[in-house]
């Protein structure tokens, strides 16, 4: 499997990262253990989680995903072979069940969050520690149209320099090795980079943002940052919550599908996404591919993608996803993808 250096760091990550947000909700611990073992057998030793997981977030399950991964490590060892990434939840989105609502990106609360993650993961260090979303109001999780109303809400937000200093101190302590962002904007990314250079603090090595055939907004602004500032993309939701597997085509709603189970996941359920998905499905069929293969192979061929985060509720799905990375799309197929994209760009940002 191809590997990529993550930003300017010494981390060399496989082009596939195992996403785990279903562990503890849609997947039992035994099912999760099967996925972790299979992933490692395929040299997918880069695993991503978060203190908020599983999703959807609930008080009774919060932290279960990290706990499951920690139980696997305790049972199987091999910590030195793994690259573990996790994320600190910020205010507003995570819920009051996370650290009793003490979720600002300040030193004391960052330290508390790391304490909790280390305990659940049963390890003494985290390879990549990410801010799950900006503390400030911004366009993430599908929000568009940043304007005066949102800008007015930026009062009482922890200064980015204060957050970066706190994270840098944790790196010095050896509790985290590298830092990254998630659901971040071009402004936020560049600001963190500038502060690191200005203040002599840790430089971010990655940004974990959504990227798929239905959401290519990363290409506008963020891809240029990746090119010139050595910040790699960890692409999440590459299959758009299953939309780009084709299982929701023609209005289908399989009982075990995430969109069927949880009505809150409506980001991809709109007529524009339905139309674009159908066009990509027909294109895949024309070339003897599955829609899953087309969607994942497209992402891996983008220069700014360091690793693609794939998650699955069934081991068979995980196997199909992994094998999709064996493909290389021709220039003809890429041109046809662009033709569809021009007709309906970014239907599910």
C-alpha atoms as a PDB file:
ATOM      1  CA  UNK A   1       0.000   0.000   0.000  1.00  0.00           C
ATOM      2  CA  UNK A   2       1.219   3.467  -0.850  1.00  0.00           C
ATOM      3  CA  UNK A   3       2.269   5.703   2.035  1.00  0.00           C
ATOM      4  CA  UNK A   4       2.618   9.470   2.319  1.00  0.00           C
ATOM      5  CA  UNK A   5       4.519  11.720   4.673  1.00  0.00           C
ATOM      6  CA  UNK A   6       2.035  13.714   6.731  1.00  0.00           C
ATOM      7  CA  UNK A   7       2.850  17.367   6.217  1.00  0.00           C
ATOM      8  CA  UNK A   8       6.336  18.241   7.412  1.00  0.00           C
ATOM      9  CA  UNK A   9       6.212  15.654  10.211  1.00  0.00           C
ATOM     10  CA  UNK A  10       8.080  12.363  10.562  1.00  0.00           C
ATOM     11  CA  UNK A  11       4.770  10.484  10.352  1.00  0.00           C
ATOM     12  CA  UNK A  12       4.500   8.300   7.264  1.00  0.00           C
ATOM     13  CA  UNK A  13       0.879   7.231   6.946  1.00  0.00           C
ATOM     14  CA  UNK A  14      -0.789   4.696   4.652  1.00  0.00           C
ATOM     15  CA  UNK A  15      -3.069   6.152   1.988  1.00  0.00           C
ATOM     16  CA  UNK A  16      -5.993   4.600   3.891  1.00  0.00           C
ATOM     17  CA  UNK A  17      -6.910   5.543   7.452  1.00  0.00           C
ATOM     18  CA  UNK A  18      -9.469   3.486   9.356  1.00  0.00           C
ATOM     19  CA  UNK A  19     -12.366   5.606  10.583  1.00  0.00           C
ATOM     20  CA  UNK A  20     -14.005   4.312  13.744  1.00  0.00           C
ATOM     21  CA  UNK A  21     -16.946   6.552  14.601  1.00  0.00           C
ATOM     22  CA  UNK A  22     -19.437   3.649  14.375  1.00  0.00           C
ATOM     23  CA  UNK A  23     -17.642   1.646  17.080  1.00  0.00           C
ATOM     24  CA  UNK A  24     -19.904   1.531  20.122  1.00  0.00           C
ATOM     25  CA  UNK A  25     -23.065   2.477  18.218  1.00  0.00           C
ATOM     26  CA  UNK A  26     -23.540   0.601  14.945  1.00  0.00           C
ATOM     27  CA  UNK A  27     -20.685  -1.778  15.708  1.00  0.00           C
ATOM     28  CA  UNK A  28     -20.181  -3.904  18.812  1.00  0.00           C
ATOM     29  CA  UNK A  29     -16.740  -4.303  20.343  1.00  0.00           C
ATOM     30  CA  UNK A  30     -16.358  -7.755  18.743  1.00  0.00           C
ATOM     31  CA  UNK A  31     -17.239  -6.346  15.312  1.00  0.00           C
ATOM     32  CA  UNK A  32     -14.835  -3.456  15.871  1.00  0.00           C
ATOM     33  CA  UNK A  33     -12.073  -5.880  16.855  1.00  0.00           C
ATOM     34  CA  UNK A  34     -12.607  -7.759  13.567  1.00  0.00           C
ATOM     35  CA  UNK A  35     -12.223  -4.531  11.607  1.00  0.00           C
ATOM     36  CA  UNK A  36      -9.132  -3.430  13.530  1.00  0.00           C
ATOM     37  CA  UNK A  37      -7.432  -6.780  13.059  1.00  0.00           C
ATOM     38  CA  UNK A  38      -8.256  -6.919   9.353  1.00  0.00           C
ATOM     39  CA  UNK A  39      -7.121  -3.331   8.811  1.00  0.00           C
ATOM     40  CA  UNK A  40      -3.792  -3.989  10.495  1.00  0.00           C
ATOM     41  CA  UNK A  41      -3.359  -7.152   8.428  1.00  0.00           C
ATOM     42  CA  UNK A  42      -3.723  -4.928   5.328  1.00  0.00           C
ATOM     43  CA  UNK A  43      -1.064  -2.550   6.708  1.00  0.00           C
ATOM     44  CA  UNK A  44      -3.694   0.038   7.601  1.00  0.00           C
ATOM     45  CA  UNK A  45      -2.068   1.012  10.871  1.00  0.00           C
ATOM     46  CA  UNK A  46      -3.441   4.578  10.901  1.00  0.00           C
ATOM     47  CA  UNK A  47      -6.652   4.762  12.967  1.00  0.00           C
ATOM     48  CA  UNK A  48      -8.764   7.852  13.577  1.00  0.00           C
ATOM     49  CA  UNK A  49     -11.154   8.413  16.474  1.00  0.00           C
ATOM     50  CA  UNK A  50     -12.416  11.219  18.742  1.00  0.00           C
ATOM     51  CA  UNK A  51     -13.438  11.774  22.327  1.00  0.00           C
ATOM     52  CA  UNK A  52     -16.967  12.565  21.083  1.00  0.00           C
ATOM     53  CA  UNK A  53     -17.416   9.227  19.262  1.00  0.00           C
ATOM     54  CA  UNK A  54     -19.470   7.227  18.528  1.00  0.00           C
ATOM     55  CA  UNK A  55     -21.940   9.217  16.481  1.00  0.00           C
ATOM     56  CA  UNK A  56     -24.574  10.331  16.847  1.00  0.00           C
ATOM     57  CA  UNK A  57     -23.250  11.641  20.178  1.00  0.00           C
ATOM     58  CA  UNK A  58     -25.115  10.454  23.273  1.00  0.00           C
ATOM     59  CA  UNK A  59     -24.271  10.781  26.974  1.00  0.00           C
ATOM     60  CA  UNK A  60     -24.486   7.012  27.467  1.00  0.00           C
ATOM     61  CA  UNK A  61     -22.043   6.150  24.671  1.00  0.00           C
ATOM     62  CA  UNK A  62     -19.643   9.109  24.634  1.00  0.00           C
ATOM     63  CA  UNK A  63     -16.042   7.889  24.692  1.00  0.00           C
ATOM     64  CA  UNK A  64     -16.955   4.299  23.818  1.00  0.00           C
ATOM     65  CA  UNK A  65     -15.036   4.345  20.546  1.00  0.00           C
ATOM     66  CA  UNK A  66     -11.753   5.272  22.185  1.00  0.00           C
ATOM     67  CA  UNK A  67     -12.447   2.694  24.882  1.00  0.00           C
ATOM     68  CA  UNK A  68     -12.922  -0.061  22.305  1.00  0.00           C
ATOM     69  CA  UNK A  69      -9.659   0.843  20.563  1.00  0.00           C
ATOM     70  CA  UNK A  70      -7.922   0.931  23.945  1.00  0.00           C
ATOM     71  CA  UNK A  71      -9.287  -2.509  24.804  1.00  0.00           C
ATOM     72  CA  UNK A  72      -7.951  -3.838  21.488  1.00  0.00           C
ATOM     73  CA  UNK A  73      -4.510  -2.395  22.213  1.00  0.00           C
ATOM     74  CA  UNK A  74      -4.542  -3.847  25.737  1.00  0.00           C
ATOM     75  CA  UNK A  75      -5.453  -7.276  24.359  1.00  0.00           C
ATOM     76  CA  UNK A  76      -3.209  -7.293  21.290  1.00  0.00           C
ATOM     77  CA  UNK A  77      -0.362  -4.910  22.024  1.00  0.00           C
ATOM     78  CA  UNK A  78       1.461  -3.635  18.913  1.00  0.00           C
ATOM     79  CA  UNK A  79       1.072  -0.003  19.974  1.00  0.00           C
ATOM     80  CA  UNK A  80       4.427   0.802  18.381  1.00  0.00           C
ATOM     81  CA  UNK A  81       3.045  -0.302  14.988  1.00  0.00           C
ATOM     82  CA  UNK A  82       0.034   2.020  15.175  1.00  0.00           C
ATOM     83  CA  UNK A  83      -0.543   5.664  14.358  1.00  0.00           C
ATOM     84  CA  UNK A  84      -3.436   6.770  16.545  1.00  0.00           C
ATOM     85  CA  UNK A  85      -5.250  10.011  15.785  1.00  0.00           C
ATOM     86  CA  UNK A  86      -7.960  11.420  17.992  1.00  0.00           C
ATOM     87  CA  UNK A  87      -9.780  14.722  18.385  1.00  0.00           C
ATOM     88  CA  UNK A  88     -10.805  17.098  21.131  1.00  0.00           C
ATOM     89  CA  UNK A  89     -14.427  18.226  21.045  1.00  0.00           C
ATOM     90  CA  UNK A  90     -15.131  21.940  21.145  1.00  0.00           C
ATOM     91  CA  UNK A  91     -18.137  23.774  22.565  1.00  0.00           C
ATOM     92  CA  UNK A  92     -21.569  23.943  20.912  1.00  0.00           C
ATOM     93  CA  UNK A  93     -21.450  20.742  18.886  1.00  0.00           C
ATOM     94  CA  UNK A  94     -20.265  18.096  21.321  1.00  0.00           C
ATOM     95  CA  UNK A  95     -22.892  18.247  24.025  1.00  0.00           C
ATOM     96  CA  UNK A  96     -22.674  18.896  27.750  1.00  0.00           C
ATOM     97  CA  UNK A  97     -21.887  15.219  28.420  1.00  0.00           C
ATOM     98  CA  UNK A  98     -18.303  15.797  27.302  1.00  0.00           C
ATOM     99  CA  UNK A  99     -16.246  16.844  30.318  1.00  0.00           C
ATOM    100  CA  UNK A 100     -19.377  18.407  31.857  1.00  0.00           C
ATOM    101  CA  UNK A 101     -19.385  20.984  29.093  1.00  0.00           C
ATOM    102  CA  UNK A 102     -15.849  22.233  29.799  1.00  0.00           C
ATOM    103  CA  UNK A 103     -14.868  22.166  26.159  1.00  0.00           C
ATOM    104  CA  UNK A 104     -13.112  25.415  25.380  1.00  0.00           C
ATOM    105  CA  UNK A 105      -9.742  25.185  23.689  1.00  0.00           C
ATOM    106  CA  UNK A 106      -7.844  26.494  26.708  1.00  0.00           C
ATOM    107  CA  UNK A 107      -4.882  24.847  28.421  1.00  0.00           C
ATOM    108  CA  UNK A 108      -6.721  23.306  31.383  1.00  0.00           C
ATOM    109  CA  UNK A 109      -9.499  21.833  29.281  1.00  0.00           C
ATOM    110  CA  UNK A 110      -7.135  20.583  26.572  1.00  0.00           C
ATOM    111  CA  UNK A 111      -5.129  18.862  29.309  1.00  0.00           C
ATOM    112  CA  UNK A 112      -8.297  17.304  30.736  1.00  0.00           C
ATOM    113  CA  UNK A 113      -9.376  16.084  27.310  1.00  0.00           C
ATOM    114  CA  UNK A 114      -5.990  14.470  26.694  1.00  0.00           C
ATOM    115  CA  UNK A 115      -6.139  12.821  30.118  1.00  0.00           C
ATOM    116  CA  UNK A 116      -9.450  11.227  29.191  1.00  0.00           C
ATOM    117  CA  UNK A 117      -8.358  10.081  25.739  1.00  0.00           C
ATOM    118  CA  UNK A 118      -5.101   8.565  27.014  1.00  0.00           C
ATOM    119  CA  UNK A 119      -6.984   6.654  29.691  1.00  0.00           C
ATOM    120  CA  UNK A 120      -9.614   5.305  27.303  1.00  0.00           C
ATOM    121  CA  UNK A 121      -7.050   4.460  24.613  1.00  0.00           C
ATOM    122  CA  UNK A 122      -4.816   2.779  27.220  1.00  0.00           C
ATOM    123  CA  UNK A 123      -1.710   4.463  25.863  1.00  0.00           C
ATOM    124  CA  UNK A 124       0.680   7.113  27.097  1.00  0.00           C
ATOM    125  CA  UNK A 125       0.856   9.147  23.892  1.00  0.00           C
ATOM    126  CA  UNK A 126      -1.281  10.177  20.916  1.00  0.00           C
ATOM    127  CA  UNK A 127       0.366  10.394  17.506  1.00  0.00           C
ATOM    128  CA  UNK A 128      -1.933  13.043  16.022  1.00  0.00           C
ATOM    129  CA  UNK A 129      -4.162  15.267  18.156  1.00  0.00           C
ATOM    130  CA  UNK A 130      -6.750  17.327  16.287  1.00  0.00           C
ATOM    131  CA  UNK A 131      -9.200  20.106  17.084  1.00  0.00           C
ATOM    132  CA  UNK A 132     -12.468  18.456  16.008  1.00  0.00           C
ATOM    133  CA  UNK A 133     -13.959  21.738  14.784  1.00  0.00           C
ATOM    134  CA  UNK A 134     -13.228  25.441  15.255  1.00  0.00           C
ATOM    135  CA  UNK A 135     -14.309  26.936  18.549  1.00  0.00           C
ATOM    136  CA  UNK A 136     -15.386  30.036  16.673  1.00  0.00           C
ATOM    137  CA  UNK A 137     -18.478  30.151  14.418  1.00  0.00           C
ATOM    138  CA  UNK A 138     -17.403  29.153  10.914  1.00  0.00           C
ATOM    139  CA  UNK A 139     -18.583  27.272   7.861  1.00  0.00           C
ATOM    140  CA  UNK A 140     -18.299  23.619   8.832  1.00  0.00           C
ATOM    141  CA  UNK A 141     -20.597  20.577   9.042  1.00  0.00           C
ATOM    142  CA  UNK A 142     -22.380  21.842   5.940  1.00  0.00           C
ATOM    143  CA  UNK A 143     -22.930  25.425   7.087  1.00  0.00           C
ATOM    144  CA  UNK A 144     -22.633  28.018   4.321  1.00  0.00           C
ATOM    145  CA  UNK A 145     -23.009  31.781   4.039  1.00  0.00           C
ATOM    146  CA  UNK A 146     -20.692  33.106   6.719  1.00  0.00           C
ATOM    147  CA  UNK A 147     -21.731  36.708   7.244  1.00  0.00           C
ATOM    148  CA  UNK A 148     -22.320  39.512   9.700  1.00  0.00           C
ATOM    149  CA  UNK A 149     -24.620  37.486  11.913  1.00  0.00           C
ATOM    150  CA  UNK A 150     -22.014  34.790  12.490  1.00  0.00           C
ATOM    151  CA  UNK A 151     -19.140  37.231  12.688  1.00  0.00           C
ATOM    152  CA  UNK A 152     -20.851  38.959  15.597  1.00  0.00           C
ATOM    153  CA  UNK A 153     -20.685  35.700  17.549  1.00  0.00           C
ATOM    154  CA  UNK A 154     -16.893  35.590  17.627  1.00  0.00           C
ATOM    155  CA  UNK A 155     -16.688  37.404  20.955  1.00  0.00           C
ATOM    156  CA  UNK A 156     -15.373  35.426  23.951  1.00  0.00           C
ATOM    157  CA  UNK A 157     -13.632  32.914  21.705  1.00  0.00           C
ATOM    158  CA  UNK A 158     -10.305  31.523  22.910  1.00  0.00           C
ATOM    159  CA  UNK A 159      -7.501  33.211  20.928  1.00  0.00           C
ATOM    160  CA  UNK A 160      -5.884  30.801  18.488  1.00  0.00           C
ATOM    161  CA  UNK A 161      -2.447  31.661  19.874  1.00  0.00           C
ATOM    162  CA  UNK A 162      -3.538  30.519  23.329  1.00  0.00           C
ATOM    163  CA  UNK A 163      -4.839  27.229  21.928  1.00  0.00           C
ATOM    164  CA  UNK A 164      -1.692  26.636  19.886  1.00  0.00           C
ATOM    165  CA  UNK A 165       0.543  27.339  22.876  1.00  0.00           C
ATOM    166  CA  UNK A 166      -1.395  24.843  24.988  1.00  0.00           C
ATOM    167  CA  UNK A 167      -1.114  22.173  22.311  1.00  0.00           C
ATOM    168  CA  UNK A 168       2.590  22.906  21.845  1.00  0.00           C
ATOM    169  CA  UNK A 169       3.181  22.429  25.562  1.00  0.00           C
ATOM    170  CA  UNK A 170       1.493  19.026  25.370  1.00  0.00           C
ATOM    171  CA  UNK A 171       3.883  18.082  22.550  1.00  0.00           C
ATOM    172  CA  UNK A 172       6.811  19.100  24.761  1.00  0.00           C
ATOM    173  CA  UNK A 173       5.452  16.843  27.495  1.00  0.00           C
ATOM    174  CA  UNK A 174       5.366  13.944  25.032  1.00  0.00           C
ATOM    175  CA  UNK A 175       1.659  13.260  25.522  1.00  0.00           C
ATOM    176  CA  UNK A 176       0.918  14.130  21.891  1.00  0.00           C
ATOM    177  CA  UNK A 177       3.376  13.936  19.002  1.00  0.00           C
ATOM    178  CA  UNK A 178       1.781  16.147  16.354  1.00  0.00           C
ATOM    179  CA  UNK A 179      -1.209  18.449  16.011  1.00  0.00           C
ATOM    180  CA  UNK A 180      -3.833  18.833  13.337  1.00  0.00           C
ATOM    181  CA  UNK A 181      -7.085  20.588  12.574  1.00  0.00           C
ATOM    182  CA  UNK A 182     -10.480  19.325  11.465  1.00  0.00           C
ATOM    183  CA  UNK A 183     -13.454  20.978   9.762  1.00  0.00           C
ATOM    184  CA  UNK A 184     -11.246  24.019   9.354  1.00  0.00           C
ATOM    185  CA  UNK A 185     -11.362  26.905   6.888  1.00  0.00           C
ATOM    186  CA  UNK A 186      -8.560  28.474   4.811  1.00  0.00           C
ATOM    187  CA  UNK A 187      -8.426  31.455   7.171  1.00  0.00           C
ATOM    188  CA  UNK A 188      -8.149  29.310  10.272  1.00  0.00           C
ATOM    189  CA  UNK A 189      -5.534  27.045   8.738  1.00  0.00           C
ATOM    190  CA  UNK A 190      -3.330  29.922   7.616  1.00  0.00           C
ATOM    191  CA  UNK A 191      -3.746  31.684  10.951  1.00  0.00           C
ATOM    192  CA  UNK A 192      -2.486  28.638  12.854  1.00  0.00           C
ATOM    193  CA  UNK A 193       0.451  28.357  10.440  1.00  0.00           C
ATOM    194  CA  UNK A 194       1.315  32.036  10.825  1.00  0.00           C
ATOM    195  CA  UNK A 195       1.142  31.876  14.620  1.00  0.00           C
ATOM    196  CA  UNK A 196       3.405  28.838  14.698  1.00  0.00           C
ATOM    197  CA  UNK A 197       6.040  30.672  12.697  1.00  0.00           C
ATOM    198  CA  UNK A 198       5.605  33.954  14.540  1.00  0.00           C
ATOM    199  CA  UNK A 199       5.674  32.488  18.062  1.00  0.00           C
ATOM    200  CA  UNK A 200       7.951  29.498  17.537  1.00  0.00           C
ATOM    201  CA  UNK A 201       5.199  26.991  18.312  1.00  0.00           C
ATOM    202  CA  UNK A 202       4.189  23.629  16.840  1.00  0.00           C
ATOM    203  CA  UNK A 203       3.098  23.665  13.215  1.00  0.00           C
ATOM    204  CA  UNK A 204      -0.031  21.806  12.233  1.00  0.00           C
ATOM    205  CA  UNK A 205       0.642  18.831   9.976  1.00  0.00           C
ATOM    206  CA  UNK A 206      -2.852  17.988   8.713  1.00  0.00           C
ATOM    207  CA  UNK A 207      -6.438  19.071   8.257  1.00  0.00           C
ATOM    208  CA  UNK A 208      -9.260  16.527   8.431  1.00  0.00           C
ATOM    209  CA  UNK A 209     -12.079  17.851   6.263  1.00  0.00           C
ATOM    210  CA  UNK A 210     -14.841  16.294   4.169  1.00  0.00           C
ATOM    211  CA  UNK A 211     -13.927  15.486   0.587  1.00  0.00           C
ATOM    212  CA  UNK A 212     -15.865  13.427  -1.935  1.00  0.00           C
ATOM    213  CA  UNK A 213     -17.389  13.566  -5.398  1.00  0.00           C
ATOM    214  CA  UNK A 214     -20.350  15.344  -3.770  1.00  0.00           C
ATOM    215  CA  UNK A 215     -18.226  17.826  -1.845  1.00  0.00           C
ATOM    216  CA  UNK A 216     -15.049  19.108  -3.507  1.00  0.00           C
ATOM    217  CA  UNK A 217     -14.986  22.448  -1.715  1.00  0.00           C
ATOM    218  CA  UNK A 218     -11.542  21.574  -0.321  1.00  0.00           C
ATOM    219  CA  UNK A 219     -10.163  22.239  -3.771  1.00  0.00           C
ATOM    220  CA  UNK A 220     -11.057  25.932  -3.417  1.00  0.00           C
ATOM    221  CA  UNK A 221      -8.435  27.516  -1.176  1.00  0.00           C
ATOM    222  CA  UNK A 222      -7.431  24.587   0.992  1.00  0.00           C
ATOM    223  CA  UNK A 223      -5.697  22.548  -1.722  1.00  0.00           C
ATOM    224  CA  UNK A 224      -3.346  25.447  -2.413  1.00  0.00           C
ATOM    225  CA  UNK A 225      -2.449  25.573   1.265  1.00  0.00           C
ATOM    226  CA  UNK A 226      -1.689  21.867   1.148  1.00  0.00           C
ATOM    227  CA  UNK A 227       0.576  22.421  -1.832  1.00  0.00           C
ATOM    228  CA  UNK A 228       2.636  25.315  -0.512  1.00  0.00           C
ATOM    229  CA  UNK A 229       2.460  24.883   3.269  1.00  0.00           C
ATOM    230  CA  UNK A 230       2.880  21.077   3.561  1.00  0.00           C
ATOM    231  CA  UNK A 231      -0.419  20.458   5.299  1.00  0.00           C
ATOM    232  CA  UNK A 232      -1.939  17.148   4.269  1.00  0.00           C
ATOM    233  CA  UNK A 233      -5.647  16.448   3.892  1.00  0.00           C
ATOM    234  CA  UNK A 234      -7.182  13.559   5.803  1.00  0.00           C
ATOM    235  CA  UNK A 235     -10.295  13.186   3.689  1.00  0.00           C
ATOM    236  CA  UNK A 236     -13.361  12.138   5.650  1.00  0.00           C
ATOM    237  CA  UNK A 237     -16.801  11.079   4.395  1.00  0.00           C
ATOM    238  CA  UNK A 238     -15.320   9.980   1.054  1.00  0.00           C
ATOM    239  CA  UNK A 239     -18.474   7.951   0.365  1.00  0.00           C
ATOM    240  CA  UNK A 240     -20.828  10.680   1.618  1.00  0.00           C
ATOM    241  CA  UNK A 241     -22.384   8.600   4.417  1.00  0.00           C
ATOM    242  CA  UNK A 242     -22.943   5.755   1.975  1.00  0.00           C
ATOM    243  CA  UNK A 243     -24.540   7.832  -0.775  1.00  0.00           C
ATOM    244  CA  UNK A 244     -21.590   7.100  -3.055  1.00  0.00           C
ATOM    245  CA  UNK A 245     -21.956   3.354  -2.617  1.00  0.00           C
ATOM    246  CA  UNK A 246     -25.245   3.581  -4.514  1.00  0.00           C
ATOM    247  CA  UNK A 247     -27.322   2.038  -1.744  1.00  0.00           C
ATOM    248  CA  UNK A 248     -29.613   5.084  -1.529  1.00  0.00           C
ATOM    249  CA  UNK A 249     -30.246   5.319  -5.289  1.00  0.00           C
ATOM    250  CA  UNK A 250     -33.820   5.819  -6.486  1.00  0.00           C
ATOM    251  CA  UNK A 251     -34.989   6.700  -2.981  1.00  0.00           C
ATOM    252  CA  UNK A 252     -33.930   3.424  -1.366  1.00  0.00           C
ATOM    253  CA  UNK A 253     -33.494   3.498   2.397  1.00  0.00           C
ATOM    254  CA  UNK A 254     -31.941   0.225   3.612  1.00  0.00           C
ATOM    255  CA  UNK A 255     -32.826  -0.444   7.224  1.00  0.00           C
ATOM    256  CA  UNK A 256     -29.222  -0.615   8.403  1.00  0.00           C
ATOM    257  CA  UNK A 257     -28.068   2.511   6.549  1.00  0.00           C
ATOM    258  CA  UNK A 258     -26.831   5.425   8.628  1.00  0.00           C
ATOM    259  CA  UNK A 259     -29.130   7.875   6.873  1.00  0.00           C
ATOM    260  CA  UNK A 260     -32.067   5.534   7.501  1.00  0.00           C
ATOM    261  CA  UNK A 261     -31.217   5.034  11.172  1.00  0.00           C
ATOM    262  CA  UNK A 262     -30.407   8.618  12.091  1.00  0.00           C
ATOM    263  CA  UNK A 263     -32.514  11.423  10.653  1.00  0.00           C
ATOM    264  CA  UNK A 264     -29.985  14.055  11.774  1.00  0.00           C
ATOM    265  CA  UNK A 265     -27.660  12.996   8.951  1.00  0.00           C
ATOM    266  CA  UNK A 266     -29.347  14.988   6.206  1.00  0.00           C
ATOM    267  CA  UNK A 267     -26.270  16.589   4.673  1.00  0.00           C
ATOM    268  CA  UNK A 268     -26.433  14.473   1.515  1.00  0.00           C
ATOM    269  CA  UNK A 269     -30.184  14.035   1.178  1.00  0.00           C
ATOM    270  CA  UNK A 270     -31.160  16.649  -1.360  1.00  0.00           C
ATOM    271  CA  UNK A 271     -32.240  16.529  -5.020  1.00  0.00           C
ATOM    272  CA  UNK A 272     -28.891  17.849  -6.225  1.00  0.00           C
ATOM    273  CA  UNK A 273     -27.016  15.020  -4.493  1.00  0.00           C
ATOM    274  CA  UNK A 274     -29.469  12.471  -5.866  1.00  0.00           C
ATOM    275  CA  UNK A 275     -28.923  13.744  -9.414  1.00  0.00           C
ATOM    276  CA  UNK A 276     -25.136  13.866  -9.150  1.00  0.00           C
ATOM    277  CA  UNK A 277     -24.956  10.452  -7.504  1.00  0.00           C
ATOM    278  CA  UNK A 278     -26.987   8.949 -10.325  1.00  0.00           C
ATOM    279  CA  UNK A 279     -24.670  10.463 -12.942  1.00  0.00           C
ATOM    280  CA  UNK A 280     -21.566   9.138 -11.181  1.00  0.00           C
ATOM    281  CA  UNK A 281     -23.195   5.716 -10.806  1.00  0.00           C
ATOM    282  CA  UNK A 282     -23.926   5.556 -14.528  1.00  0.00           C
ATOM    283  CA  UNK A 283     -20.377   6.654 -15.310  1.00  0.00           C
ATOM    284  CA  UNK A 284     -19.002   3.887 -13.084  1.00  0.00           C
ATOM    285  CA  UNK A 285     -21.230   1.298 -14.736  1.00  0.00           C
ATOM    286  CA  UNK A 286     -20.140   2.481 -18.183  1.00  0.00           C
ATOM    287  CA  UNK A 287     -16.540   1.682 -17.293  1.00  0.00           C
ATOM    288  CA  UNK A 288     -17.218  -1.578 -15.471  1.00  0.00           C
ATOM    289  CA  UNK A 289     -16.648  -0.138 -12.001  1.00  0.00           C
ATOM    290  CA  UNK A 290     -18.747   0.049  -8.872  1.00  0.00           C
ATOM    291  CA  UNK A 291     -19.715   3.502  -7.659  1.00  0.00           C
ATOM    292  CA  UNK A 292     -17.642   2.857  -4.531  1.00  0.00           C
ATOM    293  CA  UNK A 293     -14.570   2.142  -6.639  1.00  0.00           C
ATOM    294  CA  UNK A 294     -15.051   5.293  -8.690  1.00  0.00           C
ATOM    295  CA  UNK A 295     -15.561   7.494  -5.630  1.00  0.00           C
ATOM    296  CA  UNK A 296     -12.568   6.239  -3.645  1.00  0.00           C
ATOM    297  CA  UNK A 297     -10.150   5.942  -6.559  1.00  0.00           C
ATOM    298  CA  UNK A 298     -10.909   9.556  -7.488  1.00  0.00           C
ATOM    299  CA  UNK A 299      -9.919  10.795  -4.041  1.00  0.00           C
ATOM    300  CA  UNK A 300      -6.659   8.875  -3.784  1.00  0.00           C
ATOM    301  CA  UNK A 301      -5.446  10.439  -7.045  1.00  0.00           C
ATOM    302  CA  UNK A 302      -5.630  14.013  -5.700  1.00  0.00           C
ATOM    303  CA  UNK A 303      -2.189  15.397  -4.875  1.00  0.00           C
ATOM    304  CA  UNK A 304      -3.309  17.111  -1.679  1.00  0.00           C
ATOM    305  CA  UNK A 305      -4.783  13.979  -0.043  1.00  0.00           C
ATOM    306  CA  UNK A 306      -2.404  12.367   2.444  1.00  0.00           C
ATOM    307  CA  UNK A 307      -4.835   9.679   3.571  1.00  0.00           C
ATOM    308  CA  UNK A 308      -8.495   8.829   3.003  1.00  0.00           C
ATOM    309  CA  UNK A 309     -10.524   7.914   6.078  1.00  0.00           C
ATOM    310  CA  UNK A 310     -12.798   4.974   5.366  1.00  0.00           C
ATOM    311  CA  UNK A 311     -15.299   3.539   7.803  1.00  0.00           C
ATOM    312  CA  UNK A 312     -17.739   0.663   7.494  1.00  0.00           C
ATOM    313  CA  UNK A 313     -20.314  -1.102   9.599  1.00  0.00           C
ATOM    314  CA  UNK A 314     -19.666  -4.472   7.973  1.00  0.00           C
ATOM    315  CA  UNK A 315     -16.359  -6.202   7.370  1.00  0.00           C
ATOM    316  CA  UNK A 316     -17.395  -6.950   3.786  1.00  0.00           C
ATOM    317  CA  UNK A 317     -17.861  -3.211   3.180  1.00  0.00           C
ATOM    318  CA  UNK A 318     -14.443  -2.491   4.638  1.00  0.00           C
ATOM    319  CA  UNK A 319     -12.850  -5.057   2.331  1.00  0.00           C
ATOM    320  CA  UNK A 320     -14.567  -3.552  -0.727  1.00  0.00           C
ATOM    321  CA  UNK A 321     -13.442  -0.065   0.260  1.00  0.00           C
ATOM    322  CA  UNK A 322      -9.834  -1.123   0.711  1.00  0.00           C
ATOM    323  CA  UNK A 323      -9.689  -2.933  -2.634  1.00  0.00           C
ATOM    324  CA  UNK A 324     -10.978   0.198  -4.397  1.00  0.00           C
ATOM    325  CA  UNK A 325      -7.579   1.758  -3.776  1.00  0.00           C
ATOM    326  CA  UNK A 326      -5.992  -0.755  -6.118  1.00  0.00           C
ATOM    327  CA  UNK A 327      -7.578   1.087  -9.063  1.00  0.00           C
ATOM    328  CA  UNK A 328      -6.222   4.016 -11.039  1.00  0.00           C
ATOM    329  CA  UNK A 329      -8.727   6.081 -12.997  1.00  0.00           C
ATOM    330  CA  UNK A 330      -7.880   6.917 -16.600  1.00  0.00           C
ATOM    331  CA  UNK A 331      -7.771  10.436 -17.985  1.00  0.00           C
ATOM    332  CA  UNK A 332     -10.964   9.641 -19.876  1.00  0.00           C
ATOM    333  CA  UNK A 333     -12.830   8.815 -16.672  1.00  0.00           C
ATOM    334  CA  UNK A 334     -11.421  11.857 -14.886  1.00  0.00           C
ATOM    335  CA  UNK A 335     -12.596  14.079 -17.741  1.00  0.00           C
ATOM    336  CA  UNK A 336     -16.083  12.603 -17.539  1.00  0.00           C
ATOM    337  CA  UNK A 337     -16.114  13.194 -13.772  1.00  0.00           C
ATOM    338  CA  UNK A 338     -15.290  16.851 -14.403  1.00  0.00           C
ATOM    339  CA  UNK A 339     -18.132  17.107 -16.906  1.00  0.00           C
ATOM    340  CA  UNK A 340     -20.601  15.963 -14.244  1.00  0.00           C
ATOM    341  CA  UNK A 341     -19.027  18.205 -11.617  1.00  0.00           C
ATOM    342  CA  UNK A 342     -19.408  21.249 -13.842  1.00  0.00           C
ATOM    343  CA  UNK A 343     -23.128  20.576 -14.220  1.00  0.00           C
ATOM    344  CA  UNK A 344     -23.680  20.137 -10.465  1.00  0.00           C
ATOM    345  CA  UNK A 345     -20.684  21.264  -8.401  1.00  0.00           C
ATOM    346  CA  UNK A 346     -20.605  20.425  -4.711  1.00  0.00           C
ATOM    347  CA  UNK A 347     -24.228  19.413  -4.130  1.00  0.00           C
ATOM    348  CA  UNK A 348     -23.512  18.470  -0.503  1.00  0.00           C
ATOM    349  CA  UNK A 349     -20.917  20.871   0.946  1.00  0.00           C
END
